[in-house]
Protein backbone atom coordinates (compact mmCIF):
# COMPACT_ATOMS: atom_id res chain seq x y z
CA UNK A 1 -34.32 60.70 12.21
CA UNK A 2 -31.45 58.97 10.97
CA UNK A 3 -29.57 62.59 10.15
CA UNK A 4 -30.51 63.94 13.52
CA UNK A 5 -29.31 60.91 15.09
CA UNK A 6 -25.36 61.74 13.77
CA UNK A 7 -25.92 65.73 14.41
CA UNK A 8 -27.34 66.85 17.33
CA UNK A 9 -27.32 70.28 15.72
CA UNK A 10 -29.65 69.37 13.01
CA UNK A 11 -32.77 70.57 12.94
CA UNK A 12 -35.32 69.18 10.83
CA UNK A 13 -37.12 71.60 7.81
CA UNK A 14 -40.69 72.24 8.06
CA UNK A 15 -43.06 72.92 5.34
CA UNK A 16 -46.72 74.42 4.22
CA UNK A 17 -48.14 72.81 1.55
CA UNK A 18 -50.24 75.03 -0.87
CA UNK A 19 -52.20 75.47 -3.73
CA UNK A 20 -51.41 77.92 -6.23
CA UNK A 21 -53.97 78.89 -9.19
CA UNK A 22 -52.26 80.46 -11.89
CA UNK A 23 -54.15 82.01 -14.95
CA UNK A 24 -53.11 83.32 -18.45
CA UNK A 25 -52.13 87.22 -18.51
CA UNK A 26 -52.70 87.88 -22.14
CA UNK A 27 -55.81 89.06 -22.32
CA UNK A 28 -56.15 88.19 -26.49
CA UNK A 29 -55.67 84.65 -25.44
CA UNK A 30 -58.62 82.09 -23.99
CA UNK A 31 -58.21 82.03 -20.24
CA UNK A 32 -56.79 79.07 -18.98
CA UNK A 33 -56.29 78.32 -15.43
CA UNK A 34 -53.50 75.93 -14.24
CA UNK A 35 -53.76 74.60 -10.65
CA UNK A 36 -50.24 73.99 -9.21
CA UNK A 37 -49.05 72.42 -5.39
CA UNK A 38 -46.61 75.00 -3.93
CA UNK A 39 -44.86 73.42 -1.00
CA UNK A 40 -43.12 76.68 1.49
CA UNK A 41 -40.07 75.26 3.06
CA UNK A 42 -38.14 76.76 5.84
CA UNK A 43 -34.63 75.39 7.02
CA UNK A 44 -33.18 76.59 9.76
CA UNK A 45 -29.60 76.07 8.26
CA UNK A 46 -30.32 78.12 5.68
CA UNK A 47 -31.56 80.80 7.67
CA UNK A 48 -28.62 81.13 9.65
CA UNK A 49 -26.60 81.21 6.19
CA UNK A 50 -28.73 83.88 4.94
CA UNK A 51 -28.29 86.27 7.56
CA UNK A 52 -24.68 85.41 7.86
CA UNK A 53 -24.72 85.94 3.86
CA UNK A 54 -26.39 89.60 4.17
CA UNK A 55 -24.09 90.44 6.96
CA UNK A 56 -20.97 89.68 4.27
CA UNK A 57 -22.37 91.24 1.78
CA UNK A 58 -23.75 94.61 3.42
CA UNK A 59 -20.07 94.79 4.82
CA UNK A 60 -18.14 94.71 1.51
CA UNK A 61 -20.31 97.31 -0.13
CA UNK A 62 -19.60 99.49 3.16
CA UNK A 63 -16.06 99.10 2.24
CA UNK A 64 -16.77 100.06 -1.12
CA UNK A 65 -18.55 103.04 -0.68
CA UNK A 66 -15.98 104.18 2.08
CA UNK A 67 -13.32 103.79 0.05
CA UNK A 68 -14.97 106.08 -3.12
CA UNK A 69 -15.37 108.78 -0.30
CA UNK A 70 -12.20 108.92 0.80
CA UNK A 71 -11.43 109.44 -3.13
CA UNK A 72 -13.66 112.26 -3.65
CA UNK A 73 -12.23 115.79 -5.05
CA UNK A 74 -9.49 114.75 -6.60
CA UNK A 75 -8.57 113.17 -9.39
CA UNK A 76 -10.83 111.51 -11.23
CA UNK A 77 -13.29 111.58 -8.89
CA UNK A 78 -13.91 115.44 -8.71
CA UNK A 79 -16.95 115.90 -11.29
CA UNK A 80 -20.24 114.84 -9.76
CA UNK A 81 -21.47 112.98 -13.14
CA UNK A 82 -17.91 110.91 -13.14
CA UNK A 83 -19.02 109.96 -8.84
CA UNK A 84 -22.38 109.01 -9.85
CA UNK A 85 -21.48 106.53 -12.71
CA UNK A 86 -19.10 104.87 -10.11
CA UNK A 87 -22.16 104.65 -7.75
CA UNK A 88 -24.17 102.98 -10.21
CA UNK A 89 -21.52 100.32 -11.28
CA UNK A 90 -20.67 99.82 -7.48
CA UNK A 91 -24.52 98.94 -6.68
CA UNK A 92 -25.44 97.86 -9.97
CA UNK A 93 -26.28 93.71 -9.07
CA UNK A 94 -24.87 93.95 -5.89
CA UNK A 95 -26.72 91.96 -3.39
CA UNK A 96 -27.18 94.44 -0.93
CA UNK A 97 -27.81 97.15 -2.58
CA UNK A 98 -31.60 97.70 -1.35
CA UNK A 99 -30.18 97.57 2.14
CA UNK A 100 -28.47 101.11 2.12
CA UNK A 101 -29.66 104.44 1.21
CA UNK A 102 -26.61 106.69 -0.29
CA UNK A 103 -26.61 110.15 -0.74
CA UNK A 104 -24.40 112.14 -2.89
CA UNK A 105 -24.16 116.18 -1.90
CA UNK A 106 -22.31 118.94 -3.03
CA UNK A 107 -20.97 120.28 -6.66
CA UNK A 108 -17.91 119.31 -8.57
CA UNK A 109 -14.92 119.79 -6.42
CA UNK A 110 -16.96 119.95 -3.57
CA UNK A 111 -18.48 116.64 -2.91
CA UNK A 112 -19.51 114.43 -0.27
CA UNK A 113 -20.90 111.20 0.14
CA UNK A 114 -22.90 109.45 2.75
CA UNK A 115 -24.48 106.09 3.45
CA UNK A 116 -26.62 104.35 5.73
CA UNK A 117 -28.57 101.20 6.71
CA UNK A 118 -32.22 100.65 5.78
CA UNK A 119 -32.77 99.22 9.21
CA UNK A 120 -36.81 98.58 7.70
CA UNK A 121 -35.69 97.14 4.43
CA UNK A 122 -33.00 94.72 6.30
CA UNK A 123 -35.72 93.49 8.41
CA UNK A 124 -38.00 92.97 5.32
CA UNK A 125 -35.17 90.69 3.97
CA UNK A 126 -34.83 88.92 6.88
CA UNK A 127 -38.21 88.04 7.26
CA UNK A 128 -37.94 85.39 4.23
CA UNK A 129 -34.52 83.78 5.70
CA UNK A 130 -34.13 80.18 5.06
CA UNK A 131 -37.41 80.20 3.02
CA UNK A 132 -37.92 78.20 -0.52
CA UNK A 133 -40.68 77.67 -2.67
CA UNK A 134 -41.01 74.62 -4.14
CA UNK A 135 -43.73 74.51 -7.05
CA UNK A 136 -45.25 71.15 -9.28
CA UNK A 137 -47.93 70.18 -11.10
CA UNK A 138 -47.56 66.74 -9.85
CA UNK A 139 -50.73 65.75 -7.79
CA UNK A 140 -49.28 62.22 -6.62
CA UNK A 141 -45.88 64.19 -4.85
CA UNK A 142 -46.43 64.35 -1.12
CA UNK A 143 -44.30 67.36 0.56
CA UNK A 144 -41.55 64.61 1.76
CA UNK A 145 -41.23 63.19 -2.10
CA UNK A 146 -41.13 67.16 -3.51
CA UNK A 147 -38.47 68.06 -0.73
CA UNK A 148 -36.22 64.98 -1.74
CA UNK A 149 -36.50 65.51 -5.47
CA UNK A 150 -35.81 69.03 -5.26
CA UNK A 151 -32.39 68.42 -3.36
CA UNK A 152 -31.55 66.41 -6.57
CA UNK A 153 -32.13 68.94 -9.17
CA UNK A 154 -28.49 69.72 -9.08
CA UNK A 155 -27.60 65.90 -10.81
CA UNK A 156 -28.95 66.86 -14.02
CA UNK A 157 -28.36 70.45 -13.71
CA UNK A 158 -24.58 69.62 -13.56
CA UNK A 159 -24.71 66.67 -16.69
CA UNK A 160 -26.24 69.29 -18.65
CA UNK A 161 -23.17 71.90 -17.93
CA UNK A 162 -21.01 68.46 -18.74
CA UNK A 163 -22.76 68.50 -22.14
CA UNK A 164 -22.91 71.79 -22.82
CA UNK A 165 -19.47 73.38 -21.25
CA UNK A 166 -16.29 72.84 -23.18
CA UNK A 167 -14.84 69.19 -24.91
CA UNK A 168 -11.56 68.68 -23.41
CA UNK A 169 -9.50 67.10 -26.09
CA UNK A 170 -5.40 66.25 -26.86
CA UNK A 171 -3.80 68.62 -29.07
CA UNK A 172 -3.64 67.16 -32.61
CA UNK A 173 -0.29 68.17 -34.31
CA UNK A 174 -0.05 68.01 -37.99
CA UNK A 175 3.69 66.70 -39.31
CA UNK A 176 4.41 67.73 -42.59
CA UNK A 177 7.06 66.32 -44.32
CA UNK A 178 7.23 68.34 -47.38
CA UNK A 179 10.03 70.97 -46.22
CA UNK A 180 12.66 73.72 -47.17
CA UNK A 181 15.93 72.72 -46.44
CA UNK A 182 16.74 76.19 -46.04
CA UNK A 183 13.99 76.93 -43.51
CA UNK A 184 16.40 75.15 -41.01
CA UNK A 185 18.64 78.58 -41.45
CA UNK A 186 15.98 80.51 -39.65
CA UNK A 187 16.46 81.65 -36.19
CA UNK A 188 14.95 84.63 -34.11
CA UNK A 189 14.52 87.95 -35.30
CA UNK A 190 16.69 90.80 -35.10
CA UNK A 191 21.12 90.96 -34.53
CA UNK A 192 21.39 87.81 -32.37
CA UNK A 193 19.54 85.62 -34.82
CA UNK A 194 21.13 87.27 -37.71
CA UNK A 195 25.10 86.61 -36.23
CA UNK A 196 23.68 83.07 -35.34
CA UNK A 197 22.42 81.87 -38.75
CA UNK A 198 26.46 83.67 -40.50
CA UNK A 199 28.08 81.40 -37.99
CA UNK A 200 26.25 78.45 -39.04
CA UNK A 201 26.55 79.18 -42.80
CA UNK A 202 30.56 79.68 -42.72
CA UNK A 203 30.74 76.04 -40.73
CA UNK A 204 28.72 74.17 -43.48
CA UNK A 205 31.10 75.80 -46.07
CA UNK A 206 34.07 75.70 -44.40
CA UNK A 207 36.62 73.40 -46.50
CA UNK A 208 37.43 69.96 -45.68
CA UNK A 209 40.84 69.55 -44.57
């Protein structure tokens, strides 16, 4: 391919086409079966990226847990309930939360925290590295066309983001002609502002020579 000619390290995608049948899950609705074409794509480059990202996420979560373990039995982490809430906060929505086994032992004031990697969970996660699923109901698309169109889906997504995002406009300033002439004496509040206003009044009211 042209890409392989330009980059010797590039490896081609691999795909497997399958047919999926999806049925309605509502028992009260009439049964409906939808036939879809699914392409399972494996990318060698994405496989490496997924593995590196998993290692990075694991190290970050382990560093956070190690930092918390060093703070135990000192305010504010003297109570078990407080530490448990902090653990939930650290692990909530974290990509590596299912890859570590965390254990909190002891009572208030005598707490200890331990954690270790779940090798079985890590191996299970590694099995899908580099894999993605493309699904369509268009029977006219071949695997190459499905992959090509999928790679371009960020184009309409970015356009939608532009339409739905904030609109950048130039600030508009309204100039009002009718003003109180005394407003020219207004200065910042406090003693310095008051002294400045008095000085200006004396200058304006000084009799002409």
